[in-house]
Each structure stands twice: as C-alpha cells, then as structure tokens.
C-alpha cells in the first residue's frame, strides 16, 4: 500500500493550480491561503494578513495529515522553497510522500495570467512574482 500523499502546488496566479488539483485529485483535502480571504461577501484580500493566511493554510494541511487524509494538496504560489518548508517537514514526520508540482506560468505571459486568475492579481504583481521565482538547479 502506498503512503499517503502531500502535494505542494507551485504556480503564478492564473497558472491553473486550483483547476489542476480538482482534475487530478478531486478527493484531496485542498488547503490554500486564499481560503482565508474568502468571506460570505466574496474574496477580501488584505496584504497585512498574508502571514496569518499562510499560517492558517499550513495548520489546516497539518491537521488533515494528522487526521489521516489520503491526499492533501497545498495550493499556493510557493515561489521560494522556504514557503513550503513547514508543510513538507510535517509531511515527512507524518509518513506522507511529498510531491512538488510546478506549473510556473502555464506558458502564459503576465497579462494573460492577470486576465485568468480568480483574485484580480494585476500583471505587475505577477511580474514581480515571476522575477523571484526559484528554479531548482
């Protein structure tokens, strides 16, 4: 029997991370910092609360793994490796296989990503994320 699976999704806004998770692992517990900003009145992003949103996302993922969820997906931008360090350490400690899926920009330029993303992240913000994108090797 395979060990349970933790998937860290990486990609710029609009690259298709949430769609990828829904298509490839519809049974998974999906955790995202974006969930923190979803309210009954719609999506309400507050940059000042971003750290809190990421902490809540990691806590939810760790909780799901501790409860034995067979597949957990962390769906965030993850532009740098340190951004998934906490969940990857928890995955190892809890006996989960870790898979990092990098969708980067899905072959799209910043304007196309800005048009596609669900949270109105503008092209100039996407460009700054692209500029700091970590690539292995």
Protein backbone atom coordinates (compact mmCIF):
# COMPACT_ATOMS: atom_id res chain seq x y z
CA UNK A 1 0.00 0.00 0.00
CA UNK A 2 1.31 3.46 -0.89
CA UNK A 3 1.96 6.04 1.77
CA UNK A 4 -0.45 8.96 1.85
CA UNK A 5 0.44 11.87 -0.40
CA UNK A 6 1.15 15.57 0.23
CA UNK A 7 1.26 17.67 -2.95
CA UNK A 8 2.73 21.15 -2.93
CA UNK A 9 1.43 23.06 -5.95
CA UNK A 10 3.57 25.91 -7.28
CA UNK A 11 2.49 28.41 -9.88
CA UNK A 12 1.87 32.03 -10.61
CA UNK A 13 -1.69 33.33 -10.19
CA UNK A 14 -3.75 32.15 -13.16
CA UNK A 15 -1.47 29.19 -13.97
CA UNK A 16 -4.18 26.65 -13.18
CA UNK A 17 -3.23 25.34 -9.74
CA UNK A 18 -6.77 25.03 -8.38
CA UNK A 19 -8.01 23.52 -11.63
CA UNK A 20 -5.10 21.04 -11.62
CA UNK A 21 -5.95 19.96 -8.05
CA UNK A 22 -9.63 19.49 -8.86
CA UNK A 23 -8.89 17.48 -12.02
CA UNK A 24 -6.06 15.30 -10.76
CA UNK A 25 -7.06 14.80 -7.12
CA UNK A 26 -10.78 15.54 -6.66
CA UNK A 27 -10.76 13.51 -3.43
CA UNK A 28 -7.96 15.56 -1.82
CA UNK A 29 -8.15 17.96 1.06
CA UNK A 30 -7.09 21.20 -0.64
CA UNK A 31 -5.57 23.92 1.50
CA UNK A 32 -4.87 27.42 0.23
CA UNK A 33 -4.02 30.76 1.78
CA UNK A 34 -6.74 32.15 -0.49
CA UNK A 35 -9.38 30.30 1.58
CA UNK A 36 -8.54 32.63 4.47
CA UNK A 37 -9.73 35.63 2.44
CA UNK A 38 -13.00 34.08 1.25
CA UNK A 39 -15.99 35.57 3.04
CA UNK A 40 -19.76 35.30 2.51
CA UNK A 41 -19.45 38.69 0.77
CA UNK A 42 -16.74 37.50 -1.62
CA UNK A 43 -12.95 37.45 -1.74
CA UNK A 44 -11.42 40.12 0.50
CA UNK A 45 -7.62 40.12 0.21
CA UNK A 46 -5.64 42.03 2.84
CA UNK A 47 -1.87 42.03 2.35
CA UNK A 48 -1.39 42.83 6.03
CA UNK A 49 -2.95 39.43 6.89
CA UNK A 50 -0.98 37.35 4.38
CA UNK A 51 1.25 35.78 7.06
CA UNK A 52 -1.82 34.82 9.05
CA UNK A 53 -3.42 33.33 5.91
CA UNK A 54 -0.36 31.17 5.18
CA UNK A 55 -0.18 30.02 8.81
CA UNK A 56 -3.86 29.03 8.70
CA UNK A 57 -3.27 27.16 5.43
CA UNK A 58 -0.32 25.22 6.89
CA UNK A 59 -2.29 24.45 10.06
CA UNK A 60 -5.19 23.07 8.02
CA UNK A 61 -2.85 20.90 5.92
CA UNK A 62 -1.11 19.54 9.03
CA UNK A 63 -4.47 18.90 10.67
CA UNK A 64 -5.65 16.97 7.59
CA UNK A 65 -2.47 14.87 7.56
CA UNK A 66 -2.70 14.21 11.31
CA UNK A 67 -6.28 13.02 10.74
CA UNK A 68 -5.03 10.61 8.07
CA UNK A 69 -6.36 12.22 4.88
CA UNK A 70 -5.04 10.07 2.00
CA UNK A 71 -4.16 13.10 -0.17
CA UNK A 72 -3.53 16.69 0.88
CA UNK A 73 -2.82 19.48 -1.61
CA UNK A 74 -1.36 22.83 -0.62
CA UNK A 75 -2.39 25.21 -3.40
CA UNK A 76 -0.32 28.40 -3.09
CA UNK A 77 2.10 30.32 -5.29
CA UNK A 78 5.18 28.87 -3.49
CA UNK A 79 7.70 30.97 -5.39
CA UNK A 80 10.53 30.03 -3.00
CA UNK A 81 11.32 26.68 -1.27
CA UNK A 82 11.10 28.13 2.25
CA UNK A 83 7.40 28.77 1.60
CA UNK A 84 6.63 25.04 1.72
CA UNK A 85 9.20 24.06 4.37
CA UNK A 86 6.69 23.73 7.25
CA UNK A 87 4.23 21.52 5.38
CA UNK A 88 6.97 19.39 3.83
CA UNK A 89 8.56 18.78 7.26
CA UNK A 90 5.16 17.85 8.68
CA UNK A 91 4.52 15.53 5.73
CA UNK A 92 7.80 13.69 6.34
CA UNK A 93 7.13 13.46 10.09
CA UNK A 94 3.64 12.06 9.47
CA UNK A 95 4.75 9.50 6.88
CA UNK A 96 3.46 11.27 3.77
CA UNK A 97 5.14 11.10 0.39
CA UNK A 98 5.91 14.62 -0.83
CA UNK A 99 5.39 15.67 -4.42
CA UNK A 100 6.05 19.20 -5.67
CA UNK A 101 4.16 20.09 -8.85
CA UNK A 102 5.44 23.23 -10.57
CA UNK A 103 3.01 24.78 -13.05
CA UNK A 104 5.03 28.05 -13.10
CA UNK A 105 3.25 30.21 -15.73
CA UNK A 106 1.46 27.54 -17.80
CA UNK A 107 3.21 29.05 -20.83
CA UNK A 108 1.40 32.37 -20.44
CA UNK A 109 2.67 35.93 -20.17
CA UNK A 110 1.84 38.19 -17.24
CA UNK A 111 -1.11 39.88 -18.96
CA UNK A 112 -2.74 36.53 -19.77
CA UNK A 113 -2.19 35.30 -16.20
CA UNK A 114 -3.72 38.52 -14.85
CA UNK A 115 -6.77 38.00 -17.06
CA UNK A 116 -7.15 34.37 -15.97
CA UNK A 117 -6.59 34.47 -12.22
CA UNK A 118 -9.63 34.42 -9.94
CA UNK A 119 -8.48 37.07 -7.50
CA UNK A 120 -7.68 40.04 -9.73
CA UNK A 121 -3.91 39.88 -9.18
CA UNK A 122 -2.60 42.51 -11.61
CA UNK A 123 0.08 41.82 -14.24
CA UNK A 124 2.65 44.00 -12.46
CA UNK A 125 2.34 41.94 -9.26
CA UNK A 126 2.61 38.73 -11.28
CA UNK A 127 5.73 40.14 -12.96
CA UNK A 128 7.36 40.69 -9.55
CA UNK A 129 6.46 37.13 -8.53
CA UNK A 130 7.95 35.84 -11.78
CA UNK A 131 11.18 37.76 -11.11
CA UNK A 132 11.71 36.00 -7.77
CA UNK A 133 10.67 32.50 -8.96
CA UNK A 134 13.01 29.80 -7.68
CA UNK A 135 14.07 27.14 -10.16
CA UNK A 136 15.91 24.03 -8.97
CA UNK A 137 19.46 23.53 -10.14
